Amino acid sequence: MENSRKKKKTVTRRAFLQSLSGGAVGAGVASRVLGKEPRSIQSGPGEMEVFSSKRIALTVNGKKVGFETEPGETLLQVLRDRLRLTGTKRTCNRGECGGCTVLLDGKPVYSCHILAIQAEGKDILTIEGLASGDKLHPVQQAFIDKDSYQCGFCTPGFIMSSVALLDKNKQPSLDEIKAGLSGNLCRCGNYQKIHAAVAAAADAMRRG
């Protein structure tokens, strides 16, 4: 017996997105459906604010900077692409290797995992901000003296983590050095010389 009932027409998620044409066009259509332009979307009481771009200000290596940031833009993208501070490396870009480590209010963080909006009003220190004129930071100098780099790609992240460690612990043991740098990976396996450099930098910093 034939089924006389008409099949209901369903709209899949893929079909809906295709109907919006995707990308910027889709965003524009979606905003018109909502009845608001992307920049004017506001949150209700107790809800998270939604925005398409926002102007923020932060301090990078002692200098205040301000710029427009997108919702998904990371601190790493801002440092490298906007401020041209390319010492901070984009390596794994997923918070595993430590190559993009910077200091955020004195604490080491993966800049690829920090949204730019989260850094608003914060103090950021990158590898470019360590030296004082022509004089290298003791950690930088120790990495040179102890030949603690090979390809050098991970070196900025290791140095920033080392600086953070020595700011908290002036005389770390080898185990404490290893623990302090456990969030950084060296693809060349030069860990022994890296640890030696941190110990040498600690000695130099204590001597003044």
C-alpha atoms as a PDB file:
ATOM      1  CA  MET A   1       0.000   0.000   0.000  1.00  0.00           C
ATOM      2  CA  GLU A   2       1.351   3.365  -1.004  1.00  0.00           C
ATOM      3  CA  ASN A   3       2.146   5.830   1.717  1.00  0.00           C
ATOM      4  CA  SER A   4      -0.106   8.783   1.113  1.00  0.00           C
ATOM      5  CA  ARG A   5       1.610  10.974   3.612  1.00  0.00           C
ATOM      6  CA  LYS A   6       3.980  13.528   2.138  1.00  0.00           C
ATOM      7  CA  LYS A   7       7.538  13.387   3.279  1.00  0.00           C
ATOM      8  CA  LYS A   8       8.570  16.314   5.363  1.00  0.00           C
ATOM      9  CA  LYS A   9      11.200  18.519   3.821  1.00  0.00           C
ATOM     10  CA  THR A  10      14.298  18.659   6.030  1.00  0.00           C
ATOM     11  CA  VAL A  11      17.137  21.171   5.937  1.00  0.00           C
ATOM     12  CA  THR A  12      20.545  19.852   6.806  1.00  0.00           C
ATOM     13  CA  ARG A  13      23.235  21.954   8.491  1.00  0.00           C
ATOM     14  CA  ARG A  14      25.320  21.761   5.308  1.00  0.00           C
ATOM     15  CA  ALA A  15      22.427  22.987   3.169  1.00  0.00           C
ATOM     16  CA  PHE A  16      21.734  25.842   5.575  1.00  0.00           C
ATOM     17  CA  LEU A  17      25.370  26.989   5.526  1.00  0.00           C
ATOM     18  CA  GLN A  18      25.456  26.720   1.744  1.00  0.00           C
ATOM     19  CA  SER A  19      22.336  28.851   1.547  1.00  0.00           C
ATOM     20  CA  LEU A  20      24.199  31.538   3.439  1.00  0.00           C
ATOM     21  CA  SER A  21      27.021  31.292   0.859  1.00  0.00           C
ATOM     22  CA  GLY A  22      29.626  30.995   3.660  1.00  0.00           C
ATOM     23  CA  GLY A  23      32.450  33.364   4.577  1.00  0.00           C
ATOM     24  CA  ALA A  24      31.905  37.095   4.726  1.00  0.00           C
ATOM     25  CA  VAL A  25      28.744  36.901   2.618  1.00  0.00           C
ATOM     26  CA  GLY A  26      27.251  34.379   5.006  1.00  0.00           C
ATOM     27  CA  ALA A  27      28.168  36.549   7.966  1.00  0.00           C
ATOM     28  CA  GLY A  28      26.454  39.501   6.340  1.00  0.00           C
ATOM     29  CA  VAL A  29      23.315  37.459   5.618  1.00  0.00           C
ATOM     30  CA  ALA A  30      23.299  36.083   9.133  1.00  0.00           C
ATOM     31  CA  SER A  31      23.583  39.566  10.584  1.00  0.00           C
ATOM     32  CA  ARG A  32      20.620  40.740   8.505  1.00  0.00           C
ATOM     33  CA  VAL A  33      18.616  37.737   9.648  1.00  0.00           C
ATOM     34  CA  LEU A  34      19.389  38.760  13.197  1.00  0.00           C
ATOM     35  CA  GLY A  35      18.484  42.300  12.309  1.00  0.00           C
ATOM     36  CA  LYS A  36      21.829  43.732  13.446  1.00  0.00           C
ATOM     37  CA  GLU A  37      25.179  44.542  11.894  1.00  0.00           C
ATOM     38  CA  PRO A  38      28.097  42.434  13.233  1.00  0.00           C
ATOM     39  CA  ARG A  39      29.743  45.364  15.024  1.00  0.00           C
ATOM     40  CA  SER A  40      26.508  46.316  16.786  1.00  0.00           C
ATOM     41  CA  ILE A  41      25.629  42.940  18.290  1.00  0.00           C
ATOM     42  CA  GLN A  42      25.305  43.381  22.044  1.00  0.00           C
ATOM     43  CA  SER A  43      24.767  40.916  24.833  1.00  0.00           C
ATOM     44  CA  GLY A  44      21.854  40.808  27.196  1.00  0.00           C
ATOM     45  CA  PRO A  45      22.117  40.841  30.979  1.00  0.00           C
ATOM     46  CA  GLY A  46      24.346  38.026  32.216  1.00  0.00           C
ATOM     47  CA  GLU A  47      25.419  37.009  28.709  1.00  0.00           C
ATOM     48  CA  MET A  48      28.824  37.139  27.071  1.00  0.00           C
ATOM     49  CA  GLU A  49      29.381  40.108  24.778  1.00  0.00           C
ATOM     50  CA  VAL A  50      29.614  39.285  21.093  1.00  0.00           C
ATOM     51  CA  PHE A  51      31.789  41.424  18.831  1.00  0.00           C
ATOM     52  CA  SER A  52      33.352  41.257  15.401  1.00  0.00           C
ATOM     53  CA  SER A  53      36.313  43.492  16.220  1.00  0.00           C
ATOM     54  CA  LYS A  54      37.411  45.564  19.160  1.00  0.00           C
ATOM     55  CA  ARG A  55      40.141  48.086  19.857  1.00  0.00           C
ATOM     56  CA  ILE A  56      42.410  47.054  22.714  1.00  0.00           C
ATOM     57  CA  ALA A  57      45.590  48.359  24.331  1.00  0.00           C
ATOM     58  CA  LEU A  58      48.453  46.509  25.952  1.00  0.00           C
ATOM     59  CA  THR A  59      52.105  47.058  26.835  1.00  0.00           C
ATOM     60  CA  VAL A  60      54.715  45.182  24.807  1.00  0.00           C
ATOM     61  CA  ASN A  61      58.364  45.375  25.857  1.00  0.00           C
ATOM     62  CA  GLY A  62      57.657  48.537  27.816  1.00  0.00           C
ATOM     63  CA  LYS A  63      55.766  50.333  25.031  1.00  0.00           C
ATOM     64  CA  LYS A  64      52.015  50.847  24.980  1.00  0.00           C
ATOM     65  CA  VAL A  65      50.325  49.782  21.756  1.00  0.00           C
ATOM     66  CA  GLY A  66      46.721  49.846  20.586  1.00  0.00           C
ATOM     67  CA  PHE A  67      45.001  48.138  17.661  1.00  0.00           C
ATOM     68  CA  GLU A  68      41.803  46.561  16.376  1.00  0.00           C
ATOM     69  CA  THR A  69      41.591  42.843  17.099  1.00  0.00           C
ATOM     70  CA  GLU A  70      39.297  40.140  15.779  1.00  0.00           C
ATOM     71  CA  PRO A  71      37.557  37.669  18.142  1.00  0.00           C
ATOM     72  CA  GLY A  72      39.740  34.690  17.186  1.00  0.00           C
ATOM     73  CA  GLU A  73      43.045  36.541  16.825  1.00  0.00           C
ATOM     74  CA  THR A  74      45.765  35.194  19.111  1.00  0.00           C
ATOM     75  CA  LEU A  75      48.484  37.065  20.937  1.00  0.00           C
ATOM     76  CA  LEU A  76      51.017  35.215  18.763  1.00  0.00           C
ATOM     77  CA  GLN A  77      49.396  36.580  15.594  1.00  0.00           C
ATOM     78  CA  VAL A  78      49.435  40.101  17.002  1.00  0.00           C
ATOM     79  CA  LEU A  79      53.102  39.921  17.996  1.00  0.00           C
ATOM     80  CA  ARG A  80      54.326  38.464  14.712  1.00  0.00           C
ATOM     81  CA  ASP A  81      51.946  39.814  12.086  1.00  0.00           C
ATOM     82  CA  ARG A  82      51.014  43.211  13.474  1.00  0.00           C
ATOM     83  CA  LEU A  83      54.009  44.243  15.595  1.00  0.00           C
ATOM     84  CA  ARG A  84      56.630  42.343  13.549  1.00  0.00           C
ATOM     85  CA  LEU A  85      58.172  40.830  16.680  1.00  0.00           C
ATOM     86  CA  THR A  86      59.151  37.627  14.914  1.00  0.00           C
ATOM     87  CA  GLY A  87      61.451  36.344  17.662  1.00  0.00           C
ATOM     88  CA  THR A  88      58.349  34.689  19.092  1.00  0.00           C
ATOM     89  CA  LYS A  89      58.087  31.573  16.938  1.00  0.00           C
ATOM     90  CA  ARG A  90      54.999  29.995  15.413  1.00  0.00           C
ATOM     91  CA  THR A  91      56.000  26.348  15.695  1.00  0.00           C
ATOM     92  CA  CYS A  92      53.285  23.830  16.544  1.00  0.00           C
ATOM     93  CA  ASN A  93      50.629  26.558  16.961  1.00  0.00           C
ATOM     94  CA  ARG A  94      48.649  24.319  19.324  1.00  0.00           C
ATOM     95  CA  GLY A  95      50.193  24.830  22.755  1.00  0.00           C
ATOM     96  CA  GLU A  96      52.545  21.864  22.858  1.00  0.00           C
ATOM     97  CA  CYS A  97      56.121  22.927  22.051  1.00  0.00           C
ATOM     98  CA  GLY A  98      56.686  26.243  23.846  1.00  0.00           C
ATOM     99  CA  GLY A  99      58.319  27.946  20.868  1.00  0.00           C
ATOM    100  CA  CYS A 100      55.928  30.891  21.184  1.00  0.00           C
ATOM    101  CA  THR A 101      56.481  31.444  24.926  1.00  0.00           C
ATOM    102  CA  VAL A 102      56.293  35.044  26.140  1.00  0.00           C
ATOM    103  CA  LEU A 103      55.881  36.542  29.604  1.00  0.00           C
ATOM    104  CA  LEU A 104      52.394  37.817  30.415  1.00  0.00           C
ATOM    105  CA  ASP A 105      52.574  39.951  33.568  1.00  0.00           C
ATOM    106  CA  GLY A 106      55.749  38.035  34.406  1.00  0.00           C
ATOM    107  CA  LYS A 107      54.337  34.553  33.838  1.00  0.00           C
ATOM    108  CA  PRO A 108      55.365  32.321  30.897  1.00  0.00           C
ATOM    109  CA  VAL A 109      52.481  31.548  28.547  1.00  0.00           C
ATOM    110  CA  TYR A 110      52.002  30.002  25.125  1.00  0.00           C
ATOM    111  CA  SER A 111      51.061  33.034  23.039  1.00  0.00           C
ATOM    112  CA  CYS A 112      49.368  30.767  20.472  1.00  0.00           C
ATOM    113  CA  HIS A 113      46.837  29.819  23.175  1.00  0.00           C
ATOM    114  CA  ILE A 114      46.121  33.357  24.421  1.00  0.00           C
ATOM    115  CA  LEU A 115      43.552  35.429  22.573  1.00  0.00           C
ATOM    116  CA  ALA A 116      44.641  38.996  21.957  1.00  0.00           C
ATOM    117  CA  ILE A 117      41.532  40.222  23.760  1.00  0.00           C
ATOM    118  CA  GLN A 118      42.677  38.310  26.872  1.00  0.00           C
ATOM    119  CA  ALA A 119      45.913  40.320  26.897  1.00  0.00           C
ATOM    120  CA  GLU A 120      44.132  43.667  27.051  1.00  0.00           C
ATOM    121  CA  GLY A 121      45.785  45.889  29.649  1.00  0.00           C
ATOM    122  CA  LYS A 122      48.515  43.313  30.305  1.00  0.00           C
ATOM    123  CA  ASP A 123      52.298  43.665  30.237  1.00  0.00           C
ATOM    124  CA  ILE A 124      53.923  41.471  27.565  1.00  0.00           C
ATOM    125  CA  LEU A 125      57.643  40.715  27.399  1.00  0.00           C
ATOM    126  CA  THR A 126      59.092  39.027  24.303  1.00  0.00           C
ATOM    127  CA  ILE A 127      62.620  37.930  23.419  1.00  0.00           C
ATOM    128  CA  GLU A 128      63.168  41.324  21.736  1.00  0.00           C
ATOM    129  CA  GLY A 129      62.649  43.113  25.051  1.00  0.00           C
ATOM    130  CA  LEU A 130      65.294  41.287  27.108  1.00  0.00           C
ATOM    131  CA  ALA A 131      68.506  43.008  26.077  1.00  0.00           C
ATOM    132  CA  SER A 132      69.484  46.397  27.503  1.00  0.00           C
ATOM    133  CA  GLY A 133      70.865  48.276  24.533  1.00  0.00           C
ATOM    134  CA  ASP A 134      73.819  46.251  23.241  1.00  0.00           C
ATOM    135  CA  LYS A 135      74.067  44.233  26.468  1.00  0.00           C
ATOM    136  CA  LEU A 136      72.346  40.869  26.331  1.00  0.00           C
ATOM    137  CA  HIS A 137      70.308  39.489  29.196  1.00  0.00           C
ATOM    138  CA  PRO A 138      72.401  37.004  31.257  1.00  0.00           C
ATOM    139  CA  VAL A 139      70.236  34.133  29.994  1.00  0.00           C
ATOM    140  CA  GLN A 140      70.797  35.133  26.372  1.00  0.00           C
ATOM    141  CA  GLN A 141      74.533  35.419  26.961  1.00  0.00           C
ATOM    142  CA  ALA A 142      74.664  32.048  28.710  1.00  0.00           C
ATOM    143  CA  PHE A 143      72.899  30.349  25.784  1.00  0.00           C
ATOM    144  CA  ILE A 144      75.639  31.697  23.510  1.00  0.00           C
ATOM    145  CA  ASP A 145      78.498  30.832  25.862  1.00  0.00           C
ATOM    146  CA  LYS A 146      77.265  27.274  26.431  1.00  0.00           C
ATOM    147  CA  ASP A 147      76.369  26.652  22.769  1.00  0.00           C
ATOM    148  CA  SER A 148      72.813  25.894  23.900  1.00  0.00           C
ATOM    149  CA  TYR A 149      71.145  26.057  20.513  1.00  0.00           C
ATOM    150  CA  GLN A 150      71.382  24.146  17.261  1.00  0.00           C
ATOM    151  CA  CYS A 151      68.655  25.023  14.748  1.00  0.00           C
ATOM    152  CA  GLY A 152      67.706  27.886  17.105  1.00  0.00           C
ATOM    153  CA  PHE A 153      63.993  27.748  16.391  1.00  0.00           C
ATOM    154  CA  CYS A 154      63.029  26.758  19.929  1.00  0.00           C
ATOM    155  CA  THR A 155      65.639  29.009  21.571  1.00  0.00           C
ATOM    156  CA  PRO A 156      63.488  32.139  22.156  1.00  0.00           C
ATOM    157  CA  GLY A 157      60.858  30.088  23.965  1.00  0.00           C
ATOM    158  CA  PHE A 158      63.464  28.359  26.125  1.00  0.00           C
ATOM    159  CA  ILE A 159      65.060  31.685  26.989  1.00  0.00           C
ATOM    160  CA  MET A 160      61.750  33.261  28.006  1.00  0.00           C
ATOM    161  CA  SER A 161      60.864  30.255  30.187  1.00  0.00           C
ATOM    162  CA  SER A 162      64.354  30.403  31.719  1.00  0.00           C
ATOM    163  CA  VAL A 163      63.976  34.084  32.540  1.00  0.00           C
ATOM    164  CA  ALA A 164      60.659  33.390  34.253  1.00  0.00           C
ATOM    165  CA  LEU A 165      62.229  30.531  36.216  1.00  0.00           C
ATOM    166  CA  LEU A 166      65.199  32.590  37.421  1.00  0.00           C
ATOM    167  CA  ASP A 167      62.969  35.506  38.373  1.00  0.00           C
ATOM    168  CA  LYS A 168      61.261  33.147  40.854  1.00  0.00           C
ATOM    169  CA  ASN A 169      64.188  30.896  41.809  1.00  0.00           C
ATOM    170  CA  LYS A 170      67.630  32.497  41.939  1.00  0.00           C
ATOM    171  CA  GLN A 171      69.477  29.233  42.534  1.00  0.00           C
ATOM    172  CA  PRO A 172      67.562  26.336  40.966  1.00  0.00           C
ATOM    173  CA  SER A 173      68.778  22.766  41.129  1.00  0.00           C
ATOM    174  CA  LEU A 174      69.090  20.692  37.967  1.00  0.00           C
ATOM    175  CA  ASP A 175      65.751  19.030  38.705  1.00  0.00           C
ATOM    176  CA  GLU A 176      64.135  22.445  39.219  1.00  0.00           C
ATOM    177  CA  ILE A 177      65.596  23.666  35.926  1.00  0.00           C
ATOM    178  CA  LYS A 178      64.205  20.623  34.138  1.00  0.00           C
ATOM    179  CA  ALA A 179      60.797  21.163  35.732  1.00  0.00           C
ATOM    180  CA  GLY A 180      60.810  24.877  34.891  1.00  0.00           C
ATOM    181  CA  LEU A 181      61.524  24.140  31.229  1.00  0.00           C
ATOM    182  CA  SER A 182      59.281  21.082  30.952  1.00  0.00           C
ATOM    183  CA  GLY A 183      56.806  22.984  28.772  1.00  0.00           C
ATOM    184  CA  ASN A 184      59.421  23.604  26.075  1.00  0.00           C
ATOM    185  CA  LEU A 185      60.563  21.078  23.469  1.00  0.00           C
ATOM    186  CA  CYS A 186      63.858  21.039  21.562  1.00  0.00           C
ATOM    187  CA  ARG A 187      63.626  19.155  18.278  1.00  0.00           C
ATOM    188  CA  CYS A 188      67.433  18.873  18.208  1.00  0.00           C
ATOM    189  CA  GLY A 189      67.594  17.291  21.674  1.00  0.00           C
ATOM    190  CA  ASN A 190      70.099  19.828  23.042  1.00  0.00           C
ATOM    191  CA  TYR A 191      68.686  19.694  26.567  1.00  0.00           C
ATOM    192  CA  GLN A 192      71.970  19.098  28.411  1.00  0.00           C
ATOM    193  CA  LYS A 193      73.520  22.320  27.118  1.00  0.00           C
ATOM    194  CA  ILE A 194      70.265  24.228  27.652  1.00  0.00           C
ATOM    195  CA  HIS A 195      70.206  23.172  31.303  1.00  0.00           C
ATOM    196  CA  ALA A 196      73.881  24.123  31.637  1.00  0.00           C
ATOM    197  CA  ALA A 197      73.122  27.576  30.240  1.00  0.00           C
ATOM    198  CA  VAL A 198      70.356  28.188  32.762  1.00  0.00           C
ATOM    199  CA  ALA A 199      72.645  27.168  35.627  1.00  0.00           C
ATOM    200  CA  ALA A 200      75.382  29.484  34.296  1.00  0.00           C
ATOM    201  CA  ALA A 201      72.910  32.354  33.934  1.00  0.00           C
ATOM    202  CA  ALA A 202      71.765  31.817  37.524  1.00  0.00           C
ATOM    203  CA  ASP A 203      75.367  32.109  38.716  1.00  0.00           C
ATOM    204  CA  ALA A 204      75.938  35.263  36.642  1.00  0.00           C
ATOM    205  CA  MET A 205      72.746  36.893  37.930  1.00  0.00           C
ATOM    206  CA  ARG A 206      73.640  36.162  41.560  1.00  0.00           C
ATOM    207  CA  ARG A 207      77.082  37.733  41.047  1.00  0.00           C
ATOM    208  CA  GLY A 208      75.398  40.780  39.542  1.00  0.00           C
END
